[in-house]
Amino acid sequence: MKKIILSIVLLQIAVFSFSQTWVSDPMHSRLGFTISHLTISHVTGNFKQFEIKATTAKADYSDAKIEVTSQIESINTDVDKRDNDLKSANFFDAQKYPTLVFKSTSLKNVKGNDYKLTGNLTIHGITKPVVLDVIFEGKVKNQMNKKDIAVFTISGLLKRSDFGIGTKYPAAAVGDEVTINATAEMSPTN
């Protein structure tokens, strides 16, 4: 019995000691989106201030717990008037709901470097489950700081109506489906 308990304790120590926390490099990561305008055009944008954090103990990241936090005030579509409208109560209401938060519930390998990331997304005070596609682009050593870098491409679709964003605007004016496109260049913090 003592051997079993000792084995369990040693296994827990081994898992804990190999656990790593990875964070996104803001200079080499992007959290972007695309939405249709008047059904035939598209508006692209991104959030300038965000952080992606992943904690994992496995080299293949299959046990990763991922959290994304973005500041709504940092939304950028390269048009100040539109950005101010998006920050207003007409859309995101950044004063009342200053952050967008995603917390993963699972990361499952589909095939090769393709994964499905499932989690809960909170925007505009509403939390909904979402599923995103993730491609693990690879891992290299950064020659400047000698740290490992892992790169991931993330994509998916959301409906703004699911989060109560821009409810007075019909989909013919501002599309309901929002395409998420992100790149995360991650480095370990420890």
C-alpha atoms as a PDB file:
ATOM      1  CA  MET A   1       0.000   0.000   0.000  1.00  0.00           C
ATOM      2  CA  LYS A   2       2.869   2.375   0.820  1.00  0.00           C
ATOM      3  CA  LYS A   3       4.371   1.711  -2.630  1.00  0.00           C
ATOM      4  CA  ILE A   4       1.093   2.606  -4.328  1.00  0.00           C
ATOM      5  CA  ILE A   5       0.778   5.866  -2.372  1.00  0.00           C
ATOM      6  CA  LEU A   6       4.423   6.717  -3.048  1.00  0.00           C
ATOM      7  CA  SER A   7       3.924   6.030  -6.781  1.00  0.00           C
ATOM      8  CA  ILE A   8       0.885   8.308  -6.893  1.00  0.00           C
ATOM      9  CA  VAL A   9       2.744  11.107  -5.095  1.00  0.00           C
ATOM     10  CA  LEU A  10       5.761  10.764  -7.406  1.00  0.00           C
ATOM     11  CA  LEU A  11       3.501  10.818 -10.467  1.00  0.00           C
ATOM     12  CA  GLN A  12       1.798  14.002  -9.234  1.00  0.00           C
ATOM     13  CA  ILE A  13       5.181  15.632  -8.593  1.00  0.00           C
ATOM     14  CA  ALA A  14       6.403  14.614 -12.060  1.00  0.00           C
ATOM     15  CA  VAL A  15       3.309  16.073 -13.765  1.00  0.00           C
ATOM     16  CA  PHE A  16       3.540  19.277 -11.722  1.00  0.00           C
ATOM     17  CA  SER A  17       7.255  19.703 -12.364  1.00  0.00           C
ATOM     18  CA  PHE A  18       6.806  19.406 -16.154  1.00  0.00           C
ATOM     19  CA  SER A  19       3.852  21.767 -16.266  1.00  0.00           C
ATOM     20  CA  GLN A  20       4.560  24.894 -18.275  1.00  0.00           C
ATOM     21  CA  THR A  21       2.709  28.124 -18.769  1.00  0.00           C
ATOM     22  CA  TRP A  22       3.002  29.689 -22.218  1.00  0.00           C
ATOM     23  CA  VAL A  23       1.982  33.267 -23.082  1.00  0.00           C
ATOM     24  CA  SER A  24       1.497  35.007 -26.393  1.00  0.00           C
ATOM     25  CA  ASP A  25       4.094  37.403 -27.731  1.00  0.00           C
ATOM     26  CA  PRO A  26       2.117  40.598 -28.484  1.00  0.00           C
ATOM     27  CA  MET A  27       4.502  41.630 -31.268  1.00  0.00           C
ATOM     28  CA  HIS A  28       4.010  38.348 -33.149  1.00  0.00           C
ATOM     29  CA  SER A  29       0.411  37.412 -32.344  1.00  0.00           C
ATOM     30  CA  ARG A  30      -2.887  38.650 -33.733  1.00  0.00           C
ATOM     31  CA  LEU A  31      -6.531  38.354 -32.698  1.00  0.00           C
ATOM     32  CA  GLY A  32      -8.555  39.288 -35.763  1.00  0.00           C
ATOM     33  CA  PHE A  33     -12.044  39.075 -37.178  1.00  0.00           C
ATOM     34  CA  THR A  34     -13.976  39.551 -40.426  1.00  0.00           C
ATOM     35  CA  ILE A  35     -17.660  40.430 -40.786  1.00  0.00           C
ATOM     36  CA  SER A  36     -19.787  41.164 -43.838  1.00  0.00           C
ATOM     37  CA  HIS A  37     -21.111  44.632 -44.629  1.00  0.00           C
ATOM     38  CA  LEU A  38     -24.235  45.086 -46.776  1.00  0.00           C
ATOM     39  CA  THR A  39     -24.017  41.341 -47.624  1.00  0.00           C
ATOM     40  CA  ILE A  40     -21.325  41.766 -50.322  1.00  0.00           C
ATOM     41  CA  SER A  41     -18.416  43.548 -48.673  1.00  0.00           C
ATOM     42  CA  HIS A  42     -16.256  42.671 -45.683  1.00  0.00           C
ATOM     43  CA  VAL A  43     -14.792  44.593 -42.783  1.00  0.00           C
ATOM     44  CA  THR A  44     -11.714  43.230 -41.054  1.00  0.00           C
ATOM     45  CA  GLY A  45     -10.367  44.224 -37.698  1.00  0.00           C
ATOM     46  CA  ASN A  46      -8.473  43.092 -34.680  1.00  0.00           C
ATOM     47  CA  PHE A  47      -7.946  43.659 -30.982  1.00  0.00           C
ATOM     48  CA  LYS A  48      -4.658  45.417 -30.257  1.00  0.00           C
ATOM     49  CA  GLN A  49      -4.530  44.445 -26.570  1.00  0.00           C
ATOM     50  CA  PHE A  50      -4.968  40.789 -25.722  1.00  0.00           C
ATOM     51  CA  GLU A  51      -3.167  37.928 -24.054  1.00  0.00           C
ATOM     52  CA  ILE A  52      -3.324  34.210 -24.685  1.00  0.00           C
ATOM     53  CA  LYS A  53      -2.155  31.973 -21.864  1.00  0.00           C
ATOM     54  CA  ALA A  54      -1.834  28.183 -22.050  1.00  0.00           C
ATOM     55  CA  THR A  55      -0.854  25.810 -19.267  1.00  0.00           C
ATOM     56  CA  THR A  56       0.188  22.298 -20.269  1.00  0.00           C
ATOM     57  CA  ALA A  57       2.183  19.351 -18.971  1.00  0.00           C
ATOM     58  CA  LYS A  58       2.242  17.397 -22.237  1.00  0.00           C
ATOM     59  CA  ALA A  59       4.554  18.004 -25.184  1.00  0.00           C
ATOM     60  CA  ASP A  60       1.639  17.612 -27.641  1.00  0.00           C
ATOM     61  CA  TYR A  61      -0.434  20.260 -25.743  1.00  0.00           C
ATOM     62  CA  SER A  62      -3.419  17.878 -25.565  1.00  0.00           C
ATOM     63  CA  ASP A  63      -4.013  18.755 -21.908  1.00  0.00           C
ATOM     64  CA  ALA A  64      -3.633  22.515 -22.453  1.00  0.00           C
ATOM     65  CA  LYS A  65      -5.874  24.883 -20.536  1.00  0.00           C
ATOM     66  CA  ILE A  66      -6.126  28.022 -22.636  1.00  0.00           C
ATOM     67  CA  GLU A  67      -7.371  31.440 -21.648  1.00  0.00           C
ATOM     68  CA  VAL A  68      -7.699  34.486 -23.899  1.00  0.00           C
ATOM     69  CA  THR A  69      -8.413  37.936 -22.515  1.00  0.00           C
ATOM     70  CA  SER A  70      -8.869  40.939 -24.776  1.00  0.00           C
ATOM     71  CA  GLN A  71      -9.576  44.585 -24.031  1.00  0.00           C
ATOM     72  CA  ILE A  72     -12.641  45.742 -26.001  1.00  0.00           C
ATOM     73  CA  GLU A  73     -11.303  49.328 -26.026  1.00  0.00           C
ATOM     74  CA  SER A  74      -8.461  48.089 -28.235  1.00  0.00           C
ATOM     75  CA  ILE A  75     -10.724  47.118 -31.160  1.00  0.00           C
ATOM     76  CA  ASN A  76      -9.303  48.392 -34.429  1.00  0.00           C
ATOM     77  CA  THR A  77     -10.788  48.399 -37.932  1.00  0.00           C
ATOM     78  CA  ASP A  78      -8.596  51.281 -39.191  1.00  0.00           C
ATOM     79  CA  VAL A  79     -11.605  53.649 -39.145  1.00  0.00           C
ATOM     80  CA  ASP A  80     -11.858  55.707 -35.935  1.00  0.00           C
ATOM     81  CA  LYS A  81     -15.568  56.510 -36.350  1.00  0.00           C
ATOM     82  CA  ARG A  82     -16.448  52.826 -36.794  1.00  0.00           C
ATOM     83  CA  ASP A  83     -14.156  51.785 -33.912  1.00  0.00           C
ATOM     84  CA  ASN A  84     -15.846  54.294 -31.598  1.00  0.00           C
ATOM     85  CA  ASP A  85     -19.265  52.975 -32.661  1.00  0.00           C
ATOM     86  CA  LEU A  86     -18.145  49.382 -31.991  1.00  0.00           C
ATOM     87  CA  LYS A  87     -16.974  50.387 -28.496  1.00  0.00           C
ATOM     88  CA  SER A  88     -20.289  52.143 -27.776  1.00  0.00           C
ATOM     89  CA  ALA A  89     -23.522  50.688 -26.394  1.00  0.00           C
ATOM     90  CA  ASN A  90     -24.598  50.148 -30.038  1.00  0.00           C
ATOM     91  CA  PHE A  91     -22.298  47.106 -30.152  1.00  0.00           C
ATOM     92  CA  PHE A  92     -19.807  45.938 -27.482  1.00  0.00           C
ATOM     93  CA  ASP A  93     -20.526  48.574 -24.792  1.00  0.00           C
ATOM     94  CA  ALA A  94     -16.883  48.654 -23.678  1.00  0.00           C
ATOM     95  CA  GLN A  95     -17.660  50.836 -20.647  1.00  0.00           C
ATOM     96  CA  LYS A  96     -19.964  48.190 -19.188  1.00  0.00           C
ATOM     97  CA  TYR A  97     -18.211  45.087 -20.610  1.00  0.00           C
ATOM     98  CA  PRO A  98     -14.502  45.964 -20.949  1.00  0.00           C
ATOM     99  CA  THR A  99     -13.160  42.481 -21.746  1.00  0.00           C
ATOM    100  CA  LEU A 100     -13.714  39.524 -23.999  1.00  0.00           C
ATOM    101  CA  VAL A 101     -12.719  36.254 -22.275  1.00  0.00           C
ATOM    102  CA  PHE A 102     -12.331  32.723 -23.643  1.00  0.00           C
ATOM    103  CA  LYS A 103     -11.629  29.749 -21.338  1.00  0.00           C
ATOM    104  CA  SER A 104     -11.019  26.351 -22.872  1.00  0.00           C
ATOM    105  CA  THR A 105     -12.721  23.177 -21.738  1.00  0.00           C
ATOM    106  CA  SER A 106     -10.889  20.804 -24.103  1.00  0.00           C
ATOM    107  CA  LEU A 107      -8.314  20.595 -26.871  1.00  0.00           C
ATOM    108  CA  LYS A 108      -8.613  17.471 -29.012  1.00  0.00           C
ATOM    109  CA  ASN A 109      -6.341  16.297 -31.772  1.00  0.00           C
ATOM    110  CA  VAL A 110      -8.293  15.697 -34.985  1.00  0.00           C
ATOM    111  CA  LYS A 111      -5.445  14.604 -37.236  1.00  0.00           C
ATOM    112  CA  GLY A 112      -1.773  15.468 -37.452  1.00  0.00           C
ATOM    113  CA  ASN A 113      -1.395  19.106 -36.375  1.00  0.00           C
ATOM    114  CA  ASP A 114      -5.138  19.866 -36.540  1.00  0.00           C
ATOM    115  CA  TYR A 115      -7.068  20.314 -33.287  1.00  0.00           C
ATOM    116  CA  LYS A 116     -10.548  21.280 -32.101  1.00  0.00           C
ATOM    117  CA  LEU A 117     -10.547  23.776 -29.246  1.00  0.00           C
ATOM    118  CA  THR A 118     -13.751  23.906 -27.215  1.00  0.00           C
ATOM    119  CA  GLY A 119     -14.450  26.477 -24.567  1.00  0.00           C
ATOM    120  CA  ASN A 120     -16.649  29.201 -23.167  1.00  0.00           C
ATOM    121  CA  LEU A 121     -16.545  32.662 -24.694  1.00  0.00           C
ATOM    122  CA  THR A 122     -17.825  35.645 -22.731  1.00  0.00           C
ATOM    123  CA  ILE A 123     -18.608  38.822 -24.651  1.00  0.00           C
ATOM    124  CA  HIS A 124     -21.029  41.602 -23.739  1.00  0.00           C
ATOM    125  CA  GLY A 125     -21.860  39.845 -20.463  1.00  0.00           C
ATOM    126  CA  ILE A 126     -23.028  36.663 -22.222  1.00  0.00           C
ATOM    127  CA  THR A 127     -21.183  33.329 -22.070  1.00  0.00           C
ATOM    128  CA  LYS A 128     -21.635  30.748 -24.814  1.00  0.00           C
ATOM    129  CA  PRO A 129     -19.764  27.558 -25.762  1.00  0.00           C
ATOM    130  CA  VAL A 130     -17.719  27.796 -28.963  1.00  0.00           C
ATOM    131  CA  VAL A 131     -15.608  25.379 -31.006  1.00  0.00           C
ATOM    132  CA  LEU A 132     -12.559  26.669 -32.853  1.00  0.00           C
ATOM    133  CA  ASP A 133     -10.158  25.068 -35.321  1.00  0.00           C
ATOM    134  CA  VAL A 134      -6.503  25.113 -34.310  1.00  0.00           C
ATOM    135  CA  ILE A 135      -3.450  24.278 -36.393  1.00  0.00           C
ATOM    136  CA  PHE A 136      -0.204  23.682 -34.528  1.00  0.00           C
ATOM    137  CA  GLU A 137       2.322  25.266 -36.905  1.00  0.00           C
ATOM    138  CA  GLY A 138       5.351  23.972 -35.049  1.00  0.00           C
ATOM    139  CA  LYS A 139       7.942  24.749 -32.424  1.00  0.00           C
ATOM    140  CA  VAL A 140      11.381  26.356 -32.822  1.00  0.00           C
ATOM    141  CA  LYS A 141      14.063  27.960 -30.674  1.00  0.00           C
ATOM    142  CA  ASN A 142      14.105  31.768 -30.809  1.00  0.00           C
ATOM    143  CA  GLN A 143      17.683  32.706 -31.657  1.00  0.00           C
ATOM    144  CA  MET A 144      17.362  36.084 -29.909  1.00  0.00           C
ATOM    145  CA  ASN A 145      16.250  34.964 -26.437  1.00  0.00           C
ATOM    146  CA  LYS A 146      16.961  31.204 -26.680  1.00  0.00           C
ATOM    147  CA  LYS A 147      13.381  30.355 -25.624  1.00  0.00           C
ATOM    148  CA  ASP A 148      11.159  27.803 -27.315  1.00  0.00           C
ATOM    149  CA  ILE A 149       8.370  29.242 -29.458  1.00  0.00           C
ATOM    150  CA  ALA A 150       5.201  27.383 -30.393  1.00  0.00           C
ATOM    151  CA  VAL A 151       2.920  28.854 -33.059  1.00  0.00           C
ATOM    152  CA  PHE A 152      -0.800  28.202 -33.457  1.00  0.00           C
ATOM    153  CA  THR A 153      -3.332  29.404 -36.039  1.00  0.00           C
ATOM    154  CA  ILE A 154      -6.897  29.633 -34.731  1.00  0.00           C
ATOM    155  CA  SER A 155     -10.094  30.107 -36.741  1.00  0.00           C
ATOM    156  CA  GLY A 156     -13.819  29.765 -36.271  1.00  0.00           C
ATOM    157  CA  LEU A 157     -17.270  31.277 -36.690  1.00  0.00           C
ATOM    158  CA  LEU A 158     -19.458  33.063 -34.137  1.00  0.00           C
ATOM    159  CA  LYS A 159     -22.806  34.772 -34.335  1.00  0.00           C
ATOM    160  CA  ARG A 160     -22.887  38.289 -32.938  1.00  0.00           C
ATOM    161  CA  SER A 161     -26.600  37.789 -32.183  1.00  0.00           C
ATOM    162  CA  ASP A 162     -25.673  34.977 -29.743  1.00  0.00           C
ATOM    163  CA  PHE A 163     -23.893  37.608 -27.647  1.00  0.00           C
ATOM    164  CA  GLY A 164     -26.430  40.434 -28.002  1.00  0.00           C
ATOM    165  CA  ILE A 165     -24.025  42.608 -30.011  1.00  0.00           C
ATOM    166  CA  GLY A 166     -25.488  45.203 -32.393  1.00  0.00           C
ATOM    167  CA  THR A 167     -29.029  43.920 -31.997  1.00  0.00           C
ATOM    168  CA  LYS A 168     -30.588  46.935 -33.738  1.00  0.00           C
ATOM    169  CA  TYR A 169     -28.612  46.231 -36.925  1.00  0.00           C
ATOM    170  CA  PRO A 170     -30.039  43.604 -39.298  1.00  0.00           C
ATOM    171  CA  ALA A 171     -27.727  41.003 -40.822  1.00  0.00           C
ATOM    172  CA  ALA A 172     -28.248  42.637 -44.244  1.00  0.00           C
ATOM    173  CA  ALA A 173     -26.417  45.724 -42.904  1.00  0.00           C
ATOM    174  CA  VAL A 174     -23.888  44.117 -40.566  1.00  0.00           C
ATOM    175  CA  GLY A 175     -23.422  40.374 -40.947  1.00  0.00           C
ATOM    176  CA  ASP A 176     -24.434  38.097 -38.096  1.00  0.00           C
ATOM    177  CA  GLU A 177     -21.586  35.640 -38.670  1.00  0.00           C
ATOM    178  CA  VAL A 178     -18.157  36.740 -37.516  1.00  0.00           C
ATOM    179  CA  THR A 179     -15.074  34.883 -38.709  1.00  0.00           C
ATOM    180  CA  ILE A 180     -12.334  34.636 -36.091  1.00  0.00           C
ATOM    181  CA  ASN A 181      -8.756  34.456 -37.338  1.00  0.00           C
ATOM    182  CA  ALA A 182      -5.875  34.505 -34.909  1.00  0.00           C
ATOM    183  CA  THR A 183      -2.208  33.664 -34.771  1.00  0.00           C
ATOM    184  CA  ALA A 184      -0.548  32.951 -31.455  1.00  0.00           C
ATOM    185  CA  GLU A 185       3.218  32.888 -31.072  1.00  0.00           C
ATOM    186  CA  MET A 186       3.696  31.450 -27.597  1.00  0.00           C
ATOM    187  CA  SER A 187       6.723  31.250 -25.302  1.00  0.00           C
ATOM    188  CA  PRO A 188       7.061  29.597 -21.882  1.00  0.00           C
ATOM    189  CA  THR A 189       7.119  31.882 -18.856  1.00  0.00           C
ATOM    190  CA  ASN A 190       9.296  29.522 -16.792  1.00  0.00           C
END
